[in-house]
Amino acid sequence: DKTESGDAFKKNRIQTLKVEFDLIGMGPVPNNSKQIFMIIESAGKQTLQDASRSASWFNFKGQDIPYSSMVKVDYEGTPLKIDMFFDPPGGRFISGTYQVKFFSETEFIGQKQVNII
């Protein structure tokens, strides 16, 4: 397994996109359980989804939003390392700029731009 970091990646070297981040400063959590959603948008604003399963959506402030990946975590209000994974449709990413966004059920967490060349 190779791990690369930075902002630009070669498309023929990416089989799985792994995103690591620290979850901090979220509001009160009933039962310490949180769902974290990752949305990967292509340059055309289309959300990439896993082709091996049916489309996945979550409701955020009354709007149904498609997501690329989801993890369930136990969050107790202290920093928590999160690892999320996504296998691109057809096994390859297309060259371009992607927006990677993160949400919980109730909050926008953040975003990152990734360039695939």
C-alpha atoms as a PDB file:
ATOM      1  CA  ASP A   1       0.000   0.000   0.000  1.00  0.00           C
ATOM      2  CA  LYS A   2       1.334   3.425  -0.922  1.00  0.00           C
ATOM      3  CA  THR A   3       0.288   6.578   0.822  1.00  0.00           C
ATOM      4  CA  GLU A   4       0.717   9.971  -0.791  1.00  0.00           C
ATOM      5  CA  SER A   5       0.018  13.344   0.671  1.00  0.00           C
ATOM      6  CA  GLY A   6      -0.360  16.768  -0.849  1.00  0.00           C
ATOM      7  CA  ASP A   7      -2.903  18.318  -3.149  1.00  0.00           C
ATOM      8  CA  ALA A   8      -2.236  16.616  -6.513  1.00  0.00           C
ATOM      9  CA  PHE A   9      -2.278  12.893  -7.231  1.00  0.00           C
ATOM     10  CA  LYS A  10      -1.739  10.827 -10.378  1.00  0.00           C
ATOM     11  CA  LYS A  11      -4.944   9.078 -11.438  1.00  0.00           C
ATOM     12  CA  ASN A  12      -3.224   5.827 -12.426  1.00  0.00           C
ATOM     13  CA  ARG A  13      -1.805   5.490  -8.896  1.00  0.00           C
ATOM     14  CA  ILE A  14      -5.094   5.847  -7.004  1.00  0.00           C
ATOM     15  CA  GLN A  15      -7.137   2.721  -6.398  1.00  0.00           C
ATOM     16  CA  THR A  16      -8.779   3.880  -3.185  1.00  0.00           C
ATOM     17  CA  LEU A  17      -9.037   7.410  -1.876  1.00  0.00           C
ATOM     18  CA  LYS A  18      -8.265   7.489   1.854  1.00  0.00           C
ATOM     19  CA  VAL A  19      -8.989  10.666   3.776  1.00  0.00           C
ATOM     20  CA  GLU A  20      -7.753  11.194   7.319  1.00  0.00           C
ATOM     21  CA  PHE A  21      -8.845  14.024   9.589  1.00  0.00           C
ATOM     22  CA  ASP A  22      -9.424  14.879  13.239  1.00  0.00           C
ATOM     23  CA  LEU A  23     -12.981  15.463  14.391  1.00  0.00           C
ATOM     24  CA  ILE A  24     -12.989  18.244  16.984  1.00  0.00           C
ATOM     25  CA  GLY A  25     -15.289  20.820  18.497  1.00  0.00           C
ATOM     26  CA  MET A  26     -18.664  19.310  17.614  1.00  0.00           C
ATOM     27  CA  GLY A  27     -21.748  20.052  19.663  1.00  0.00           C
ATOM     28  CA  PRO A  28     -23.486  17.731  22.135  1.00  0.00           C
ATOM     29  CA  VAL A  29     -23.983  14.193  20.859  1.00  0.00           C
ATOM     30  CA  PRO A  30     -26.859  12.042  22.105  1.00  0.00           C
ATOM     31  CA  ASN A  31     -25.625   8.530  22.944  1.00  0.00           C
ATOM     32  CA  ASN A  32     -22.109   9.522  21.708  1.00  0.00           C
ATOM     33  CA  SER A  33     -22.982   8.154  18.263  1.00  0.00           C
ATOM     34  CA  LYS A  34     -22.320  10.177  15.092  1.00  0.00           C
ATOM     35  CA  GLN A  35     -22.558   9.438  11.406  1.00  0.00           C
ATOM     36  CA  ILE A  36     -19.911  11.194   9.324  1.00  0.00           C
ATOM     37  CA  PHE A  37     -20.624  11.610   5.616  1.00  0.00           C
ATOM     38  CA  MET A  38     -18.022  12.256   2.897  1.00  0.00           C
ATOM     39  CA  ILE A  39     -19.161  13.804  -0.367  1.00  0.00           C
ATOM     40  CA  ILE A  40     -16.785  13.735  -3.330  1.00  0.00           C
ATOM     41  CA  GLU A  41     -17.909  16.097  -6.093  1.00  0.00           C
ATOM     42  CA  SER A  42     -16.458  16.108  -9.591  1.00  0.00           C
ATOM     43  CA  ALA A  43     -15.744  19.349 -11.446  1.00  0.00           C
ATOM     44  CA  GLY A  44     -19.298  19.085 -12.833  1.00  0.00           C
ATOM     45  CA  LYS A  45     -20.697  19.042  -9.262  1.00  0.00           C
ATOM     46  CA  GLN A  46     -21.755  15.399  -9.582  1.00  0.00           C
ATOM     47  CA  THR A  47     -21.406  13.354  -6.388  1.00  0.00           C
ATOM     48  CA  LEU A  48     -19.366  10.186  -6.876  1.00  0.00           C
ATOM     49  CA  GLN A  49     -20.989   7.123  -5.383  1.00  0.00           C
ATOM     50  CA  ASP A  50     -20.028   3.485  -4.962  1.00  0.00           C
ATOM     51  CA  ALA A  51     -21.352   1.661  -8.020  1.00  0.00           C
ATOM     52  CA  SER A  52     -21.519  -1.657  -6.139  1.00  0.00           C
ATOM     53  CA  ARG A  53     -24.435  -0.492  -3.975  1.00  0.00           C
ATOM     54  CA  SER A  54     -27.566   1.532  -4.458  1.00  0.00           C
ATOM     55  CA  ALA A  55     -27.409   5.329  -4.202  1.00  0.00           C
ATOM     56  CA  SER A  56     -26.917   6.591  -0.675  1.00  0.00           C
ATOM     57  CA  TRP A  57     -28.490   9.782   0.679  1.00  0.00           C
ATOM     58  CA  PHE A  58     -28.696  11.583   4.007  1.00  0.00           C
ATOM     59  CA  ASN A  59     -30.951  14.356   5.170  1.00  0.00           C
ATOM     60  CA  PHE A  60     -29.208  17.599   6.127  1.00  0.00           C
ATOM     61  CA  LYS A  61     -31.398  20.434   7.360  1.00  0.00           C
ATOM     62  CA  GLY A  62     -34.383  19.209   5.346  1.00  0.00           C
ATOM     63  CA  GLN A  63     -32.474  18.521   2.124  1.00  0.00           C
ATOM     64  CA  ASP A  64     -31.631  15.028   0.835  1.00  0.00           C
ATOM     65  CA  ILE A  65     -27.966  14.946  -0.201  1.00  0.00           C
ATOM     66  CA  PRO A  66     -26.140  12.068  -1.940  1.00  0.00           C
ATOM     67  CA  TYR A  67     -22.925  10.921  -0.276  1.00  0.00           C
ATOM     68  CA  SER A  68     -19.842   8.978  -1.321  1.00  0.00           C
ATOM     69  CA  SER A  69     -18.941   7.300   1.972  1.00  0.00           C
ATOM     70  CA  MET A  70     -20.174   7.165   5.576  1.00  0.00           C
ATOM     71  CA  VAL A  71     -18.720   6.002   8.875  1.00  0.00           C
ATOM     72  CA  LYS A  72     -20.320   5.654  12.294  1.00  0.00           C
ATOM     73  CA  VAL A  73     -18.193   6.803  15.201  1.00  0.00           C
ATOM     74  CA  ASP A  74     -18.473   7.058  18.962  1.00  0.00           C
ATOM     75  CA  TYR A  75     -17.741  10.697  19.724  1.00  0.00           C
ATOM     76  CA  GLU A  76     -17.343  11.948  23.278  1.00  0.00           C
ATOM     77  CA  GLY A  77     -16.456  15.581  22.589  1.00  0.00           C
ATOM     78  CA  THR A  78     -12.688  15.071  22.489  1.00  0.00           C
ATOM     79  CA  PRO A  79     -10.581  15.027  19.271  1.00  0.00           C
ATOM     80  CA  LEU A  80     -11.098  11.809  17.323  1.00  0.00           C
ATOM     81  CA  LYS A  81      -9.083  10.586  14.324  1.00  0.00           C
ATOM     82  CA  ILE A  82     -11.326   9.596  11.407  1.00  0.00           C
ATOM     83  CA  ASP A  83     -10.294   7.507   8.377  1.00  0.00           C
ATOM     84  CA  MET A  84     -12.676   7.366   5.411  1.00  0.00           C
ATOM     85  CA  PHE A  85     -12.291   5.422   2.163  1.00  0.00           C
ATOM     86  CA  PHE A  86     -13.767   5.583  -1.325  1.00  0.00           C
ATOM     87  CA  ASP A  87     -13.246   3.361  -4.367  1.00  0.00           C
ATOM     88  CA  PRO A  88     -13.913   5.336  -7.566  1.00  0.00           C
ATOM     89  CA  PRO A  89     -16.550   4.159 -10.058  1.00  0.00           C
ATOM     90  CA  GLY A  90     -14.935   1.880 -12.643  1.00  0.00           C
ATOM     91  CA  GLY A  91     -11.854   1.584 -10.433  1.00  0.00           C
ATOM     92  CA  ARG A  92     -10.306   4.878 -11.597  1.00  0.00           C
ATOM     93  CA  PHE A  93     -10.656   8.563 -11.071  1.00  0.00           C
ATOM     94  CA  ILE A  94     -10.868  10.890 -14.072  1.00  0.00           C
ATOM     95  CA  SER A  95      -8.374  13.767 -14.147  1.00  0.00           C
ATOM     96  CA  GLY A  96      -9.783  16.919 -12.618  1.00  0.00           C
ATOM     97  CA  THR A  97     -10.416  18.891  -9.469  1.00  0.00           C
ATOM     98  CA  TYR A  98     -12.647  17.314  -6.843  1.00  0.00           C
ATOM     99  CA  GLN A  99     -14.279  18.882  -3.808  1.00  0.00           C
ATOM    100  CA  VAL A 100     -14.319  16.598  -0.778  1.00  0.00           C
ATOM    101  CA  LYS A 101     -16.847  17.716   1.849  1.00  0.00           C
ATOM    102  CA  PHE A 102     -17.630  16.343   5.302  1.00  0.00           C
ATOM    103  CA  PHE A 103     -20.888  16.491   7.247  1.00  0.00           C
ATOM    104  CA  SER A 104     -22.416  14.981  10.349  1.00  0.00           C
ATOM    105  CA  GLU A 105     -26.170  14.567  10.633  1.00  0.00           C
ATOM    106  CA  THR A 106     -26.427  18.136  11.929  1.00  0.00           C
ATOM    107  CA  GLU A 107     -23.234  20.030  11.006  1.00  0.00           C
ATOM    108  CA  PHE A 108     -21.010  20.895   8.061  1.00  0.00           C
ATOM    109  CA  ILE A 109     -17.543  19.806   9.221  1.00  0.00           C
ATOM    110  CA  GLY A 110     -15.269  21.063   6.436  1.00  0.00           C
ATOM    111  CA  GLN A 111     -13.950  20.543   2.925  1.00  0.00           C
ATOM    112  CA  LYS A 112     -10.777  19.989   0.925  1.00  0.00           C
ATOM    113  CA  GLN A 113      -9.954  20.328  -2.759  1.00  0.00           C
ATOM    114  CA  VAL A 114      -8.087  17.433  -4.410  1.00  0.00           C
ATOM    115  CA  ASN A 115      -6.458  17.596  -7.845  1.00  0.00           C
ATOM    116  CA  ILE A 116      -6.096  14.391  -9.809  1.00  0.00           C
ATOM    117  CA  ILE A 117      -3.805  14.575 -12.830  1.00  0.00           C
END
